[in-house]
């Protein structure tokens, strides 16, 4: 997140059960107050992308324990994250099963690198030309490190 202009670029990588990347997206958010909001928006975009790709079962991984706990809590509160987490709960209706997992940032390098590439290329939205080979390699390393 760039603090001076309050923008955040999030990246979502969709993988099948074998760990292969089957979809990717970078998304630009403006007027983002803090990193927690950016992480919550990334989870929200993950559900939107998964729905577009036709997934029915999801495992959403995020490296913000605060955001993962907020989504799992499933209660409205006075948190700044509440409107986003409530929207995520509404989006869940389009799926058969969803699990939310906290993963250390150390094994989430592919998503962070894709976000940086998106910012450099000013490429926002679904990457129709496929994910760069460097991201594929990082995703494999992340997958192996976590499993």
Protein backbone atom coordinates (compact mmCIF):
# COMPACT_ATOMS: atom_id res chain seq x y z
CA UNK A 1 0.00 0.00 0.00
CA UNK A 2 1.30 3.45 -0.87
CA UNK A 3 0.59 5.66 2.15
CA UNK A 4 1.08 9.01 0.44
CA UNK A 5 -1.86 8.64 -1.94
CA UNK A 6 -3.81 6.00 0.01
CA UNK A 7 -4.06 3.44 -2.76
CA UNK A 8 -3.69 -0.29 -2.49
CA UNK A 9 -3.09 -2.84 -5.18
CA UNK A 10 -4.31 -6.30 -4.26
CA UNK A 11 -3.64 -9.55 -6.05
CA UNK A 12 -5.73 -12.69 -6.09
CA UNK A 13 -4.42 -16.02 -7.32
CA UNK A 14 -6.96 -18.78 -7.89
CA UNK A 15 -5.53 -22.28 -7.71
CA UNK A 16 -7.15 -25.63 -8.27
CA UNK A 17 -6.86 -28.53 -5.83
CA UNK A 18 -3.48 -29.49 -7.34
CA UNK A 19 -2.09 -26.01 -6.68
CA UNK A 20 -2.03 -24.93 -10.33
CA UNK A 21 -2.90 -21.28 -10.97
CA UNK A 22 -6.15 -21.13 -12.95
CA UNK A 23 -6.94 -17.43 -12.58
CA UNK A 24 -5.33 -14.22 -11.41
CA UNK A 25 -6.35 -10.65 -10.85
CA UNK A 26 -4.83 -7.43 -9.64
CA UNK A 27 -7.14 -4.74 -8.37
CA UNK A 28 -6.61 -1.08 -7.53
CA UNK A 29 -8.40 0.40 -4.51
CA UNK A 30 -8.39 4.13 -3.83
CA UNK A 31 -8.80 5.91 -0.47
CA UNK A 32 -7.65 2.92 1.57
CA UNK A 33 -7.21 3.90 5.21
CA UNK A 34 -4.92 1.05 6.27
CA UNK A 35 -3.44 -2.33 5.40
CA UNK A 36 -6.25 -4.24 7.14
CA UNK A 37 -8.80 -2.74 4.76
CA UNK A 38 -6.61 -3.66 1.79
CA UNK A 39 -6.33 -7.25 3.05
CA UNK A 40 -10.10 -7.48 3.62
CA UNK A 41 -10.71 -6.15 0.11
CA UNK A 42 -8.34 -8.81 -1.26
CA UNK A 43 -10.45 -11.52 0.43
CA UNK A 44 -13.57 -9.93 -1.02
CA UNK A 45 -12.04 -9.90 -4.51
CA UNK A 46 -11.04 -13.56 -4.06
CA UNK A 47 -14.70 -14.54 -3.66
CA UNK A 48 -15.71 -12.41 -6.62
CA UNK A 49 -13.03 -13.94 -8.86
CA UNK A 50 -13.82 -17.48 -7.67
CA UNK A 51 -17.50 -16.95 -8.46
CA UNK A 52 -16.63 -15.68 -11.92
CA UNK A 53 -14.47 -18.75 -12.52
CA UNK A 54 -17.30 -21.04 -11.42
CA UNK A 55 -15.71 -22.43 -8.27
CA UNK A 56 -18.16 -23.91 -5.73
CA UNK A 57 -15.68 -24.80 -2.96
CA UNK A 58 -12.98 -22.43 -1.76
CA UNK A 59 -10.08 -22.15 0.57
CA UNK A 60 -9.31 -18.45 0.99
CA UNK A 61 -5.81 -17.83 2.30
CA UNK A 62 -4.77 -14.48 3.70
CA UNK A 63 -1.73 -13.24 5.58
CA UNK A 64 -3.61 -10.92 7.92
CA UNK A 65 -4.73 -12.85 10.98
CA UNK A 66 -6.87 -9.88 12.05
CA UNK A 67 -8.83 -9.99 8.79
CA UNK A 68 -9.23 -13.78 8.80
CA UNK A 69 -10.52 -13.66 12.40
CA UNK A 70 -12.88 -10.80 11.53
CA UNK A 71 -14.42 -12.78 8.65
CA UNK A 72 -14.70 -15.96 10.72
CA UNK A 73 -16.35 -14.06 13.59
CA UNK A 74 -19.39 -13.52 11.34
CA UNK A 75 -20.76 -10.71 13.49
CA UNK A 76 -21.44 -7.12 12.69
CA UNK A 77 -19.45 -4.81 14.92
CA UNK A 78 -18.14 -1.27 14.93
CA UNK A 79 -14.90 -2.24 13.25
CA UNK A 80 -13.87 -0.44 10.08
CA UNK A 81 -13.70 -3.91 8.51
CA UNK A 82 -17.33 -4.75 9.29
CA UNK A 83 -18.91 -3.48 6.03
CA UNK A 84 -16.39 -5.48 4.01
CA UNK A 85 -16.71 -8.65 6.08
CA UNK A 86 -20.51 -8.40 5.92
CA UNK A 87 -20.29 -8.17 2.12
CA UNK A 88 -18.01 -11.23 2.12
CA UNK A 89 -20.66 -13.12 4.09
CA UNK A 90 -23.27 -12.16 1.48
CA UNK A 91 -20.94 -13.34 -1.31
CA UNK A 92 -20.54 -16.69 0.47
CA UNK A 93 -24.11 -17.60 -0.52
CA UNK A 94 -22.84 -18.33 -4.04
CA UNK A 95 -20.62 -21.18 -2.83
CA UNK A 96 -21.11 -24.64 -1.37
CA UNK A 97 -18.20 -24.49 1.06
CA UNK A 98 -15.61 -21.90 2.09
CA UNK A 99 -12.71 -22.13 4.52
CA UNK A 100 -10.61 -19.15 5.59
CA UNK A 101 -7.02 -19.83 6.49
CA UNK A 102 -4.30 -17.60 7.84
CA UNK A 103 -1.00 -18.14 6.03
CA UNK A 104 2.25 -16.41 6.97
CA UNK A 105 3.36 -13.70 4.59
CA UNK A 106 6.47 -15.78 4.00
CA UNK A 107 4.36 -18.26 1.97
CA UNK A 108 2.22 -15.62 0.27
CA UNK A 109 5.00 -14.21 -1.90
CA UNK A 110 3.37 -14.95 -5.24
CA UNK A 111 0.35 -12.75 -4.50
CA UNK A 112 2.52 -9.90 -3.21
CA UNK A 113 4.83 -10.11 -6.23
CA UNK A 114 1.84 -10.15 -8.61
CA UNK A 115 0.49 -7.01 -6.90
CA UNK A 116 3.84 -5.28 -7.45
CA UNK A 117 3.93 -6.36 -11.11
CA UNK A 118 0.38 -5.09 -11.53
CA UNK A 119 1.35 -1.73 -10.09
CA UNK A 120 4.43 -1.44 -12.31
CA UNK A 121 2.50 -2.43 -15.45
CA UNK A 122 -0.62 -0.51 -14.39
CA UNK A 123 -2.45 -3.76 -15.12
CA UNK A 124 -5.65 -4.07 -13.12
CA UNK A 125 -8.30 -6.72 -13.58
CA UNK A 126 -8.04 -10.31 -14.71
CA UNK A 127 -4.74 -11.14 -16.38
CA UNK A 128 -6.05 -12.60 -19.64
CA UNK A 129 -2.55 -13.21 -20.97
CA UNK A 130 -1.82 -15.56 -18.07
CA UNK A 131 0.30 -15.25 -15.02
CA UNK A 132 4.00 -14.51 -15.58
CA UNK A 133 6.35 -17.49 -15.23
CA UNK A 134 8.05 -15.83 -12.26
CA UNK A 135 4.72 -15.80 -10.40
CA UNK A 136 4.11 -19.47 -11.29
CA UNK A 137 7.50 -20.32 -9.81
CA UNK A 138 6.83 -18.32 -6.64
CA UNK A 139 3.39 -19.90 -6.26
CA UNK A 140 4.97 -23.34 -6.44
CA UNK A 141 7.57 -22.35 -3.82
CA UNK A 142 4.81 -20.93 -1.58
CA UNK A 143 2.76 -24.12 -1.99
CA UNK A 144 5.73 -26.37 -1.16
CA UNK A 145 6.79 -24.23 1.80
CA UNK A 146 3.31 -24.28 3.29
CA UNK A 147 2.60 -27.97 2.67
